[in-house]
């Protein structure tokens, strides 16, 4: 009998596991011994947090970027072992590695079970006050200033035409540049939400129309932490 592929959410930041993960998710992560992971070091630390007494050397890990990682994952599943997929933060397959292993499992008629846990995209949308019926996630916008400006203008036009919420992420060192681009290329009436450290220590969520953002608000956005940006209209 085949094993089952479990999608195991990781912590988003500094938080106690039982404050953000259901006991069922923790229990599966504690009992499974075969994993596909984004970064082995990060996954080992996460599993050790869940089970301090666990012997990490006994756990078999496949790095998702390894050659033949998909084949190795399928081999374990076909041998009857349950396999867990763990990304570095949040939910695997959501702006993180994992989808290729899920697709392979489905194609091989192997059961896939997504477990409950924190997702910055979902939490950010919930906390933004924006349209939750229509949402497009863009991953990272272009790093080059002119291309980023063009992308933001395009997103702003989509919001005007459809009302759909547009969301993307950014690395800490580009947060300031992103905010400056938003100020220069997005309509003042468009709502902007910036969410950082969701479901962890130092959580901060600022959500206002762009013309209501003060200089103090912009200064509060950390340039040391990743950020989730949402642009859209407030629900009426």
Protein backbone atom coordinates (compact mmCIF):
# COMPACT_ATOMS: atom_id res chain seq x y z
CA UNK A 1 0.00 0.00 0.00
CA UNK A 2 1.24 3.49 -0.85
CA UNK A 3 2.05 6.03 1.80
CA UNK A 4 0.39 9.44 2.00
CA UNK A 5 1.90 12.81 1.12
CA UNK A 6 1.30 15.32 3.93
CA UNK A 7 1.74 19.06 3.39
CA UNK A 8 3.02 20.40 6.70
CA UNK A 9 2.94 24.17 7.36
CA UNK A 10 6.00 25.64 9.05
CA UNK A 11 6.06 28.57 11.46
CA UNK A 12 6.15 32.03 9.85
CA UNK A 13 8.49 33.49 12.45
CA UNK A 14 9.20 33.41 16.16
CA UNK A 15 6.20 31.67 17.76
CA UNK A 16 5.47 28.66 19.92
CA UNK A 17 4.17 25.83 17.72
CA UNK A 18 1.02 25.19 19.74
CA UNK A 19 0.01 28.86 19.39
CA UNK A 20 -0.31 28.62 15.59
CA UNK A 21 -0.41 24.91 14.69
CA UNK A 22 -3.27 22.51 15.51
CA UNK A 23 -2.33 19.42 17.51
CA UNK A 24 -3.17 17.21 14.51
CA UNK A 25 -0.57 19.00 12.37
CA UNK A 26 2.04 18.74 15.12
CA UNK A 27 1.28 15.04 15.66
CA UNK A 28 1.76 14.18 11.98
CA UNK A 29 5.05 16.11 11.85
CA UNK A 30 6.24 14.27 14.95
CA UNK A 31 5.50 10.76 13.69
CA UNK A 32 6.63 11.06 10.04
CA UNK A 33 10.26 10.10 9.36
CA UNK A 34 10.53 10.93 5.65
CA UNK A 35 10.40 14.50 4.40
CA UNK A 36 10.84 16.63 1.30
CA UNK A 37 12.12 20.01 2.48
CA UNK A 38 13.06 23.40 1.07
CA UNK A 39 16.14 23.79 3.30
CA UNK A 40 17.26 20.83 5.46
CA UNK A 41 18.75 23.03 8.20
CA UNK A 42 15.50 24.99 8.59
CA UNK A 43 13.38 21.83 8.54
CA UNK A 44 15.57 20.15 11.16
CA UNK A 45 15.20 23.17 13.46
CA UNK A 46 11.42 23.15 12.98
CA UNK A 47 11.12 19.43 13.75
CA UNK A 48 13.39 19.81 16.77
CA UNK A 49 11.13 22.60 18.04
CA UNK A 50 8.16 20.25 17.78
CA UNK A 51 10.00 17.35 19.46
CA UNK A 52 13.09 18.42 21.45
CA UNK A 53 13.82 14.79 22.36
CA UNK A 54 13.72 13.57 18.76
CA UNK A 55 16.90 12.17 17.18
CA UNK A 56 17.11 14.24 14.01
CA UNK A 57 19.76 11.94 12.54
CA UNK A 58 17.08 9.25 12.25
CA UNK A 59 14.99 11.41 9.91
CA UNK A 60 15.39 11.00 6.15
CA UNK A 61 15.28 14.31 4.29
CA UNK A 62 15.20 15.02 0.57
CA UNK A 63 16.07 18.60 -0.39
CA UNK A 64 13.52 19.73 -2.97
CA UNK A 65 16.25 21.04 -5.28
CA UNK A 66 18.16 17.74 -5.31
CA UNK A 67 18.47 15.91 -8.59
CA UNK A 68 15.76 13.24 -8.81
CA UNK A 69 14.04 14.65 -5.68
CA UNK A 70 10.62 13.96 -7.16
CA UNK A 71 11.58 10.38 -7.99
CA UNK A 72 13.01 9.85 -4.49
CA UNK A 73 9.79 11.17 -2.95
CA UNK A 74 7.62 8.88 -5.06
CA UNK A 75 9.86 5.91 -4.24
CA UNK A 76 9.36 6.44 -0.49
CA UNK A 77 5.60 6.77 -0.96
CA UNK A 78 5.42 3.61 -3.07
CA UNK A 79 7.37 1.75 -0.39
CA UNK A 80 4.52 2.57 1.98
CA UNK A 81 6.14 5.42 3.91
CA UNK A 82 4.23 8.60 4.64
CA UNK A 83 6.16 11.66 3.44
CA UNK A 84 5.87 15.21 4.75
CA UNK A 85 6.58 18.32 2.67
CA UNK A 86 8.00 21.28 4.63
CA UNK A 87 8.94 24.69 3.25
CA UNK A 88 11.04 27.25 5.11
CA UNK A 89 7.98 29.22 6.28
CA UNK A 90 4.24 28.89 5.97
CA UNK A 91 2.42 26.47 3.70
CA UNK A 92 4.29 24.37 1.12
CA UNK A 93 3.10 25.02 -2.41
CA UNK A 94 1.96 28.56 -1.54
CA UNK A 95 4.70 30.81 -2.94
CA UNK A 96 7.07 28.06 -1.80
CA UNK A 97 8.33 24.75 -3.16
CA UNK A 98 6.03 21.76 -2.94
CA UNK A 99 3.65 21.87 -5.89
CA UNK A 100 5.80 19.60 -8.08
CA UNK A 101 5.67 16.83 -5.45
CA UNK A 102 1.93 17.24 -4.99
CA UNK A 103 1.37 17.05 -8.75
CA UNK A 104 3.54 13.92 -8.97
CA UNK A 105 1.60 12.27 -6.14
CA UNK A 106 -1.74 12.98 -7.79
CA UNK A 107 -0.48 11.62 -11.10
CA UNK A 108 0.66 8.47 -9.29
CA UNK A 109 -2.76 8.17 -7.60
CA UNK A 110 -1.19 8.69 -4.17
CA UNK A 111 -3.26 10.38 -1.48
CA UNK A 112 -2.39 13.99 -0.62
CA UNK A 113 -3.43 15.60 2.67
CA UNK A 114 -2.92 19.34 3.29
CA UNK A 115 -2.61 20.11 7.00
CA UNK A 116 -3.80 23.27 8.71
CA UNK A 117 -1.28 25.97 9.59
CA UNK A 118 -0.28 29.60 9.03
CA UNK A 119 -0.24 31.11 5.54
CA UNK A 120 0.94 34.71 5.23
CA UNK A 121 -1.12 35.17 2.07
CA UNK A 122 -4.36 34.07 3.72
CA UNK A 123 -3.69 35.86 7.00
CA UNK A 124 -2.72 39.07 5.21
CA UNK A 125 -5.86 39.03 3.09
CA UNK A 126 -8.03 38.36 6.15
CA UNK A 127 -6.47 41.32 7.97
CA UNK A 128 -6.48 43.74 5.03
CA UNK A 129 -10.20 44.51 4.79
CA UNK A 130 -9.99 44.16 1.01
CA UNK A 131 -11.92 42.12 -1.54
CA UNK A 132 -11.57 38.45 -0.63
CA UNK A 133 -13.67 37.20 -3.54
CA UNK A 134 -11.15 38.09 -6.24
CA UNK A 135 -7.44 37.83 -5.56
CA UNK A 136 -4.31 37.58 -7.67
CA UNK A 137 -0.95 36.71 -6.11
CA UNK A 138 2.05 37.82 -8.16
CA UNK A 139 4.96 36.48 -6.12
CA UNK A 140 7.77 39.01 -6.52
CA UNK A 141 7.38 42.08 -8.74
CA UNK A 142 10.34 43.09 -10.95
CA UNK A 143 13.42 44.33 -9.09
CA UNK A 144 14.34 46.96 -11.70
CA UNK A 145 12.77 50.33 -10.91
CA UNK A 146 11.24 51.00 -14.34
CA UNK A 147 9.82 47.49 -14.67
CA UNK A 148 8.48 47.61 -11.11
CA UNK A 149 6.79 50.96 -11.80
CA UNK A 150 5.15 49.57 -14.94
CA UNK A 151 3.94 46.51 -13.03
CA UNK A 152 2.41 48.63 -10.27
CA UNK A 153 0.60 50.86 -12.76
CA UNK A 154 -0.78 47.75 -14.42
CA UNK A 155 -1.99 46.32 -11.09
CA UNK A 156 -3.60 49.64 -10.19
CA UNK A 157 -5.49 49.61 -13.48
CA UNK A 158 -6.71 46.07 -12.82
CA UNK A 159 -8.02 47.20 -9.43
CA UNK A 160 -9.89 50.10 -11.07
CA UNK A 161 -11.37 47.80 -13.71
CA UNK A 162 -12.25 44.76 -11.60
CA UNK A 163 -11.83 45.54 -7.90
CA UNK A 164 -9.70 42.41 -7.54
CA UNK A 165 -7.12 42.51 -4.76
CA UNK A 166 -3.51 42.35 -5.97
CA UNK A 167 -0.87 40.95 -3.65
CA UNK A 168 2.86 40.30 -3.78
CA UNK A 169 5.85 39.76 -1.51
CA UNK A 170 9.20 41.46 -1.19
CA UNK A 171 12.57 40.83 0.41
CA UNK A 172 13.50 43.12 3.33
CA UNK A 173 16.22 45.08 1.57
CA UNK A 174 13.80 46.14 -1.19
CA UNK A 175 10.91 47.15 1.08
CA UNK A 176 11.80 50.85 1.04
CA UNK A 177 12.19 50.90 -2.75
CA UNK A 178 8.87 49.11 -3.15
CA UNK A 179 7.05 51.61 -0.94
CA UNK A 180 8.56 54.49 -2.88
CA UNK A 181 7.44 52.92 -6.15
CA UNK A 182 3.93 52.39 -4.79
CA UNK A 183 3.73 56.04 -3.72
CA UNK A 184 4.76 57.19 -7.17
CA UNK A 185 2.73 54.82 -9.34
CA UNK A 186 -0.46 53.84 -7.52
CA UNK A 187 -3.61 55.97 -7.23
CA UNK A 188 -4.09 57.77 -3.93
CA UNK A 189 -7.55 56.23 -3.49
CA UNK A 190 -6.21 52.66 -3.75
CA UNK A 191 -5.88 50.80 -0.46
CA UNK A 192 -2.45 49.54 0.58
CA UNK A 193 -1.87 46.91 3.25
CA UNK A 194 1.63 45.94 4.39
CA UNK A 195 1.80 42.91 6.68
CA UNK A 196 4.95 41.69 8.43
CA UNK A 197 5.75 38.97 10.98
CA UNK A 198 2.29 37.46 10.71
CA UNK A 199 1.42 34.89 13.38
CA UNK A 200 4.70 35.59 15.16
CA UNK A 201 6.41 38.05 17.48
CA UNK A 202 6.44 41.62 16.20
CA UNK A 203 3.37 41.19 14.00
CA UNK A 204 2.48 44.44 12.24
CA UNK A 205 -0.37 45.14 9.83
CA UNK A 206 -1.01 48.59 8.36
CA UNK A 207 -3.98 48.89 5.99
CA UNK A 208 -5.18 52.28 4.72
CA UNK A 209 -5.93 54.05 1.47
CA UNK A 210 -2.66 55.34 0.09
CA UNK A 211 -3.63 58.97 0.71
CA UNK A 212 -4.17 58.12 4.40
CA UNK A 213 -0.72 56.62 4.88
CA UNK A 214 1.41 59.04 6.93
CA UNK A 215 5.17 59.40 6.90
CA UNK A 216 5.15 57.67 10.28
CA UNK A 217 3.27 54.72 8.76
CA UNK A 218 5.86 54.35 6.01
CA UNK A 219 8.69 54.57 8.54
CA UNK A 220 7.12 51.79 10.62
CA UNK A 221 7.52 49.28 7.78
CA UNK A 222 10.61 47.29 8.73
CA UNK A 223 13.47 47.00 6.26
CA UNK A 224 14.71 43.96 8.21
CA UNK A 225 11.69 41.70 7.71
CA UNK A 226 9.98 40.29 4.61
CA UNK A 227 6.68 41.95 3.75
CA UNK A 228 3.40 41.00 2.16
CA UNK A 229 1.88 43.84 0.12
CA UNK A 230 -1.78 44.03 -0.83
CA UNK A 231 -3.35 46.63 -3.12
CA UNK A 232 -7.08 46.91 -3.68
CA UNK A 233 -10.33 48.41 -2.51
CA UNK A 234 -11.78 48.22 0.96
CA UNK A 235 -14.90 46.09 1.19
CA UNK A 236 -18.06 48.18 1.36
